Amino acid sequence: MSTIRQELKYTKEHEWARLEGGEWVVGLTDYAQGELGDVVFVELPKVGAEVVAGATFGTVEAVKTVSDMYAPVSGTITAVNEALGADPGVVNRDAYGDGWFVKIRPSGPDQGKDLLEAKAYAALIGQSL
């Protein structure tokens, strides 16, 4: 059973997002990292890049496959998790903590309103809370 945190928001594409100090911190859900298997490489955008909600912003390469990452909100990348370059396996070990991918400054106050609550994400992956 995958861990689903109540305080986070989710996309249907299995990214999690947490609003923190006016920026969205984004990562891959515990469910998704489990489905992918061992993460061996993460490609992330550069700081300052503009992203659009629902569009790809990077890729995750695992032993099983390569998967696109989708921006949960539109805005500007303000930080990327450089530690993933040296140790991408942290995504498997700590998906909701040190395994975060990017921070996004939203383009407007309504960004994130369409993200899933934990209960809806749990239903999406066939799990209950």
N, C-alpha and C. Protein backbone atom coordinates (compact mmCIF):
# COMPACT_ATOMS: atom_id res chain seq x y z
N MET A 1 0.84 -1.18 0.00
CA MET A 1 0.00 0.00 0.00
C MET A 1 0.89 1.25 0.00
N SER A 2 0.57 2.18 -0.85
CA SER A 2 1.35 3.41 -0.99
C SER A 2 0.97 4.43 0.07
N THR A 3 1.92 5.25 0.42
CA THR A 3 1.67 6.34 1.36
C THR A 3 1.03 7.51 0.61
N ILE A 4 -0.06 8.01 1.15
CA ILE A 4 -0.73 9.20 0.61
C ILE A 4 -0.88 10.17 1.76
N ARG A 5 -0.28 11.34 1.61
CA ARG A 5 -0.33 12.32 2.70
C ARG A 5 -1.52 13.27 2.52
N GLN A 6 -2.25 13.44 3.62
CA GLN A 6 -3.45 14.27 3.60
C GLN A 6 -3.14 15.73 3.27
N GLU A 7 -1.98 16.24 3.68
CA GLU A 7 -1.69 17.66 3.53
C GLU A 7 -1.25 18.04 2.12
N LEU A 8 -1.05 17.07 1.25
CA LEU A 8 -0.57 17.34 -0.10
C LEU A 8 -1.71 17.39 -1.10
N LYS A 9 -1.42 18.01 -2.25
CA LYS A 9 -2.32 17.98 -3.40
C LYS A 9 -1.66 17.06 -4.44
N TYR A 10 -2.47 16.57 -5.37
CA TYR A 10 -1.97 15.58 -6.33
C TYR A 10 -2.48 15.86 -7.74
N THR A 11 -1.70 15.37 -8.73
CA THR A 11 -2.16 15.39 -10.11
C THR A 11 -2.61 13.98 -10.49
N LYS A 12 -3.36 13.90 -11.56
CA LYS A 12 -3.75 12.57 -12.07
C LYS A 12 -2.55 11.84 -12.66
N GLU A 13 -1.47 12.60 -12.93
CA GLU A 13 -0.26 11.99 -13.50
C GLU A 13 0.73 11.57 -12.42
N HIS A 14 0.33 11.65 -11.15
CA HIS A 14 1.10 11.14 -10.02
C HIS A 14 2.22 12.04 -9.52
N GLU A 15 2.04 13.37 -9.68
CA GLU A 15 2.92 14.29 -9.00
C GLU A 15 2.21 14.75 -7.72
N TRP A 16 2.98 15.04 -6.70
CA TRP A 16 2.42 15.67 -5.51
C TRP A 16 2.88 17.13 -5.50
N ALA A 17 2.11 17.97 -4.79
CA ALA A 17 2.46 19.39 -4.70
C ALA A 17 2.06 19.91 -3.33
N ARG A 18 2.93 20.74 -2.77
CA ARG A 18 2.68 21.33 -1.45
C ARG A 18 2.99 22.82 -1.53
N LEU A 19 2.02 23.67 -1.15
CA LEU A 19 2.24 25.11 -1.14
C LEU A 19 3.03 25.47 0.12
N GLU A 20 4.18 26.10 -0.10
CA GLU A 20 5.11 26.38 1.00
C GLU A 20 5.72 27.75 0.77
N GLY A 21 5.37 28.72 1.60
CA GLY A 21 5.93 30.06 1.46
C GLY A 21 5.63 30.72 0.13
N GLY A 22 4.46 30.45 -0.43
CA GLY A 22 4.07 31.05 -1.70
C GLY A 22 4.57 30.32 -2.92
N GLU A 23 5.30 29.22 -2.74
CA GLU A 23 5.78 28.42 -3.86
C GLU A 23 5.26 26.99 -3.72
N TRP A 24 5.07 26.35 -4.87
CA TRP A 24 4.66 24.95 -4.87
C TRP A 24 5.90 24.08 -4.94
N VAL A 25 6.06 23.20 -3.97
CA VAL A 25 7.11 22.18 -3.99
C VAL A 25 6.49 20.96 -4.65
N VAL A 26 7.21 20.37 -5.61
CA VAL A 26 6.64 19.31 -6.46
C VAL A 26 7.55 18.09 -6.44
N GLY A 27 6.92 16.92 -6.42
CA GLY A 27 7.67 15.66 -6.50
C GLY A 27 6.82 14.56 -7.09
N LEU A 28 7.34 13.37 -7.06
CA LEU A 28 6.67 12.18 -7.58
C LEU A 28 6.04 11.43 -6.41
N THR A 29 4.83 10.94 -6.58
CA THR A 29 4.15 10.27 -5.46
C THR A 29 4.83 8.95 -5.10
N ASP A 30 4.56 8.52 -3.90
CA ASP A 30 5.06 7.23 -3.44
C ASP A 30 4.54 6.11 -4.33
N TYR A 31 3.29 6.21 -4.73
CA TYR A 31 2.71 5.20 -5.63
C TYR A 31 3.51 5.13 -6.93
N ALA A 32 3.76 6.28 -7.54
CA ALA A 32 4.46 6.31 -8.83
C ALA A 32 5.88 5.79 -8.73
N GLN A 33 6.59 6.19 -7.67
CA GLN A 33 7.97 5.70 -7.55
C GLN A 33 7.98 4.19 -7.36
N GLY A 34 6.97 3.65 -6.70
CA GLY A 34 6.87 2.22 -6.52
C GLY A 34 6.59 1.48 -7.82
N GLU A 35 5.74 2.09 -8.65
CA GLU A 35 5.42 1.50 -9.94
C GLU A 35 6.61 1.55 -10.89
N LEU A 36 7.39 2.63 -10.81
CA LEU A 36 8.55 2.78 -11.70
C LEU A 36 9.68 1.83 -11.33
N GLY A 37 9.87 1.60 -10.06
CA GLY A 37 11.03 0.83 -9.60
C GLY A 37 12.19 1.78 -9.32
N ASP A 38 13.38 1.24 -9.32
CA ASP A 38 14.55 2.03 -8.95
C ASP A 38 14.78 3.18 -9.93
N VAL A 39 14.74 4.41 -9.39
CA VAL A 39 14.99 5.60 -10.20
C VAL A 39 16.50 5.74 -10.38
N VAL A 40 16.93 5.86 -11.65
CA VAL A 40 18.36 5.92 -11.95
C VAL A 40 18.79 7.26 -12.52
N PHE A 41 17.85 8.10 -12.96
CA PHE A 41 18.19 9.40 -13.53
C PHE A 41 16.97 10.30 -13.49
N VAL A 42 17.20 11.58 -13.21
CA VAL A 42 16.13 12.57 -13.20
C VAL A 42 16.61 13.77 -14.01
N GLU A 43 15.80 14.17 -15.00
CA GLU A 43 16.10 15.36 -15.79
C GLU A 43 15.13 16.47 -15.38
N LEU A 44 15.67 17.57 -14.91
CA LEU A 44 14.85 18.66 -14.41
C LEU A 44 15.12 19.93 -15.21
N PRO A 45 14.17 20.88 -15.20
CA PRO A 45 14.37 22.15 -15.92
C PRO A 45 15.37 23.03 -15.19
N LYS A 46 15.75 24.13 -15.82
CA LYS A 46 16.65 25.09 -15.18
C LYS A 46 15.84 26.08 -14.36
N VAL A 47 16.47 26.60 -13.34
CA VAL A 47 15.86 27.67 -12.56
C VAL A 47 15.57 28.84 -13.50
N GLY A 48 14.39 29.39 -13.39
CA GLY A 48 13.98 30.50 -14.25
C GLY A 48 13.10 30.06 -15.40
N ALA A 49 13.05 28.76 -15.67
CA ALA A 49 12.20 28.25 -16.75
C ALA A 49 10.73 28.47 -16.40
N GLU A 50 9.94 28.74 -17.43
CA GLU A 50 8.49 28.87 -17.25
C GLU A 50 7.85 27.50 -17.52
N VAL A 51 6.89 27.13 -16.68
CA VAL A 51 6.16 25.88 -16.88
C VAL A 51 4.67 26.17 -16.95
N VAL A 52 3.98 25.28 -17.64
CA VAL A 52 2.53 25.41 -17.82
C VAL A 52 1.85 24.20 -17.17
N ALA A 53 0.82 24.45 -16.41
CA ALA A 53 0.08 23.36 -15.75
C ALA A 53 -0.34 22.31 -16.77
N GLY A 54 0.00 21.06 -16.49
CA GLY A 54 -0.36 19.95 -17.36
C GLY A 54 0.67 19.63 -18.42
N ALA A 55 1.67 20.50 -18.60
CA ALA A 55 2.72 20.26 -19.59
C ALA A 55 3.93 19.60 -18.91
N THR A 56 4.73 18.90 -19.69
CA THR A 56 5.90 18.23 -19.12
C THR A 56 6.95 19.25 -18.69
N PHE A 57 7.65 18.92 -17.61
CA PHE A 57 8.76 19.78 -17.19
C PHE A 57 10.04 18.99 -16.97
N GLY A 58 9.97 17.68 -17.08
CA GLY A 58 11.16 16.86 -16.87
C GLY A 58 10.84 15.39 -17.06
N THR A 59 11.84 14.56 -16.85
CA THR A 59 11.64 13.11 -16.98
C THR A 59 12.29 12.39 -15.81
N VAL A 60 11.76 11.21 -15.56
CA VAL A 60 12.32 10.30 -14.56
C VAL A 60 12.64 9.00 -15.26
N GLU A 61 13.89 8.57 -15.16
CA GLU A 61 14.28 7.30 -15.77
C GLU A 61 14.46 6.28 -14.65
N ALA A 62 13.76 5.17 -14.81
CA ALA A 62 13.87 4.07 -13.84
C ALA A 62 14.30 2.82 -14.59
N VAL A 63 14.54 1.76 -13.87
CA VAL A 63 14.98 0.53 -14.51
C VAL A 63 13.91 -0.03 -15.44
N LYS A 64 12.65 0.27 -15.17
CA LYS A 64 11.56 -0.26 -15.99
C LYS A 64 11.22 0.60 -17.19
N THR A 65 11.34 1.94 -17.06
CA THR A 65 10.85 2.84 -18.10
C THR A 65 11.34 4.27 -17.87
N VAL A 66 11.02 5.14 -18.82
CA VAL A 66 11.24 6.58 -18.67
C VAL A 66 9.86 7.21 -18.63
N SER A 67 9.64 8.12 -17.67
CA SER A 67 8.34 8.72 -17.50
C SER A 67 8.46 10.24 -17.48
N ASP A 68 7.52 10.92 -18.14
CA ASP A 68 7.50 12.38 -18.10
C ASP A 68 6.95 12.86 -16.76
N MET A 69 7.37 14.03 -16.36
CA MET A 69 6.83 14.70 -15.18
C MET A 69 6.00 15.88 -15.67
N TYR A 70 4.84 16.11 -15.06
CA TYR A 70 3.92 17.15 -15.50
C TYR A 70 3.77 18.21 -14.41
N ALA A 71 3.82 19.45 -14.84
CA ALA A 71 3.71 20.57 -13.89
C ALA A 71 2.29 20.62 -13.31
N PRO A 72 2.17 20.67 -12.01
CA PRO A 72 0.84 20.76 -11.41
C PRO A 72 0.24 22.17 -11.49
N VAL A 73 1.10 23.17 -11.67
CA VAL A 73 0.67 24.57 -11.76
C VAL A 73 1.51 25.28 -12.81
N SER A 74 1.01 26.42 -13.28
CA SER A 74 1.80 27.26 -14.18
C SER A 74 2.61 28.23 -13.35
N GLY A 75 3.81 28.56 -13.84
CA GLY A 75 4.64 29.51 -13.12
C GLY A 75 6.10 29.42 -13.51
N THR A 76 6.95 29.87 -12.61
CA THR A 76 8.40 29.94 -12.85
C THR A 76 9.13 29.01 -11.89
N ILE A 77 10.06 28.23 -12.43
CA ILE A 77 10.88 27.36 -11.59
C ILE A 77 11.82 28.24 -10.77
N THR A 78 11.74 28.11 -9.46
CA THR A 78 12.60 28.91 -8.59
C THR A 78 13.72 28.10 -7.96
N ALA A 79 13.58 26.78 -7.97
CA ALA A 79 14.63 25.90 -7.42
C ALA A 79 14.46 24.51 -7.99
N VAL A 80 15.58 23.82 -8.17
CA VAL A 80 15.55 22.40 -8.55
C VAL A 80 16.36 21.65 -7.52
N ASN A 81 16.01 20.40 -7.31
CA ASN A 81 16.71 19.59 -6.32
C ASN A 81 17.98 19.01 -6.95
N GLU A 82 19.07 19.76 -6.81
CA GLU A 82 20.35 19.38 -7.42
C GLU A 82 20.87 18.05 -6.86
N ALA A 83 20.48 17.69 -5.65
CA ALA A 83 20.96 16.46 -5.02
C ALA A 83 20.53 15.22 -5.80
N LEU A 84 19.45 15.34 -6.57
CA LEU A 84 18.97 14.18 -7.34
C LEU A 84 19.95 13.80 -8.44
N GLY A 85 20.78 14.72 -8.89
CA GLY A 85 21.77 14.41 -9.91
C GLY A 85 22.78 13.40 -9.42
N ALA A 86 23.20 13.53 -8.18
CA ALA A 86 24.19 12.62 -7.61
C ALA A 86 23.56 11.36 -7.03
N ASP A 87 22.31 11.47 -6.60
CA ASP A 87 21.65 10.34 -5.95
C ASP A 87 20.15 10.32 -6.29
N PRO A 88 19.80 9.90 -7.52
CA PRO A 88 18.38 9.89 -7.89
C PRO A 88 17.55 8.88 -7.08
N GLY A 89 18.20 7.93 -6.45
CA GLY A 89 17.50 6.93 -5.65
C GLY A 89 16.79 7.51 -4.43
N VAL A 90 17.10 8.75 -4.08
CA VAL A 90 16.40 9.38 -2.95
C VAL A 90 14.90 9.51 -3.26
N VAL A 91 14.54 9.54 -4.54
CA VAL A 91 13.12 9.58 -4.91
C VAL A 91 12.42 8.32 -4.38
N ASN A 92 13.08 7.18 -4.44
CA ASN A 92 12.51 5.93 -3.93
C ASN A 92 12.50 5.90 -2.41
N ARG A 93 13.53 6.44 -1.81
CA ARG A 93 13.66 6.36 -0.35
C ARG A 93 12.82 7.40 0.39
N ASP A 94 12.63 8.58 -0.20
CA ASP A 94 11.96 9.67 0.50
C ASP A 94 11.20 10.55 -0.49
N ALA A 95 10.18 9.96 -1.13
CA ALA A 95 9.45 10.64 -2.20
C ALA A 95 8.85 11.97 -1.76
N TYR A 96 8.38 12.05 -0.51
CA TYR A 96 7.71 13.27 -0.05
C TYR A 96 8.63 14.21 0.74
N GLY A 97 9.87 13.84 0.87
CA GLY A 97 10.81 14.67 1.63
C GLY A 97 11.97 15.11 0.75
N ASP A 98 13.14 14.49 0.96
CA ASP A 98 14.33 14.87 0.21
C ASP A 98 14.24 14.55 -1.28
N GLY A 99 13.23 13.79 -1.70
CA GLY A 99 13.08 13.44 -3.10
C GLY A 99 12.26 14.43 -3.92
N TRP A 100 12.02 15.64 -3.40
CA TRP A 100 11.29 16.66 -4.16
C TRP A 100 12.07 17.01 -5.43
N PHE A 101 11.37 17.53 -6.44
CA PHE A 101 11.99 17.81 -7.74
C PHE A 101 12.24 19.30 -7.97
N VAL A 102 11.17 20.08 -7.90
CA VAL A 102 11.28 21.51 -8.22
C VAL A 102 10.39 22.33 -7.29
N LYS A 103 10.68 23.64 -7.26
CA LYS A 103 9.79 24.60 -6.62
C LYS A 103 9.33 25.56 -7.71
N ILE A 104 8.03 25.85 -7.69
CA ILE A 104 7.43 26.69 -8.73
C ILE A 104 6.74 27.88 -8.08
N ARG A 105 7.10 29.10 -8.53
CA ARG A 105 6.37 30.30 -8.11
C ARG A 105 5.17 30.40 -9.04
N PRO A 106 3.94 30.28 -8.51
CA PRO A 106 2.76 30.23 -9.36
C PRO A 106 2.55 31.55 -10.11
N SER A 107 1.97 31.43 -11.31
CA SER A 107 1.72 32.60 -12.14
C SER A 107 0.52 33.42 -11.66
N GLY A 108 -0.29 32.85 -10.79
CA GLY A 108 -1.45 33.57 -10.26
C GLY A 108 -1.99 32.88 -9.03
N PRO A 109 -2.87 33.57 -8.31
CA PRO A 109 -3.39 33.01 -7.05
C PRO A 109 -4.31 31.81 -7.23
N ASP A 110 -4.82 31.61 -8.44
CA ASP A 110 -5.74 30.49 -8.65
C ASP A 110 -5.01 29.20 -9.03
N GLN A 111 -3.70 29.25 -9.16
CA GLN A 111 -2.95 28.05 -9.53
C GLN A 111 -3.06 27.01 -8.41
N GLY A 112 -3.31 25.78 -8.79
CA GLY A 112 -3.42 24.69 -7.82
C GLY A 112 -4.84 24.35 -7.45
N LYS A 113 -5.81 25.17 -7.85
CA LYS A 113 -7.20 24.92 -7.45
C LYS A 113 -7.79 23.66 -8.07
N ASP A 114 -7.19 23.19 -9.16
CA ASP A 114 -7.70 21.99 -9.82
C ASP A 114 -7.00 20.71 -9.39
N LEU A 115 -6.06 20.81 -8.47
CA LEU A 115 -5.33 19.62 -8.02
C LEU A 115 -6.23 18.74 -7.15
N LEU A 116 -5.92 17.47 -7.12
CA LEU A 116 -6.71 16.51 -6.36
C LEU A 116 -6.38 16.56 -4.87
N GLU A 117 -7.40 16.39 -4.06
CA GLU A 117 -7.19 16.18 -2.63
C GLU A 117 -6.73 14.73 -2.41
N ALA A 118 -6.22 14.45 -1.25
CA ALA A 118 -5.69 13.11 -0.95
C ALA A 118 -6.72 12.01 -1.18
N LYS A 119 -7.94 12.24 -0.77
CA LYS A 119 -8.98 11.22 -0.91
C LYS A 119 -9.25 10.90 -2.39
N ALA A 120 -9.28 11.93 -3.22
CA ALA A 120 -9.52 11.73 -4.65
C ALA A 120 -8.33 11.01 -5.29
N TYR A 121 -7.11 11.34 -4.85
CA TYR A 121 -5.94 10.65 -5.40
C TYR A 121 -5.96 9.18 -4.98
N ALA A 122 -6.32 8.93 -3.75
CA ALA A 122 -6.40 7.55 -3.28
C ALA A 122 -7.37 6.74 -4.13
N ALA A 123 -8.51 7.34 -4.44
CA ALA A 123 -9.50 6.67 -5.28
C ALA A 123 -8.94 6.42 -6.68
N LEU A 124 -8.16 7.38 -7.18
CA LEU A 124 -7.57 7.25 -8.52
C LEU A 124 -6.66 6.02 -8.61
N ILE A 125 -5.93 5.74 -7.55
CA ILE A 125 -5.01 4.60 -7.59
C ILE A 125 -5.61 3.35 -6.94
N GLY A 126 -6.93 3.42 -6.64
CA GLY A 126 -7.61 2.25 -6.12
C GLY A 126 -7.27 1.90 -4.69
N GLN A 127 -7.06 2.93 -3.92
CA GLN A 127 -6.68 2.74 -2.52
C GLN A 127 -7.65 3.54 -1.66
N SER A 128 -7.78 3.19 -0.40
CA SER A 128 -8.59 3.99 0.51
C SER A 128 -7.68 4.64 1.55
N LEU A 129 -8.18 5.73 2.12
CA LEU A 129 -7.40 6.39 3.17
C LEU A 129 -7.82 5.90 4.53
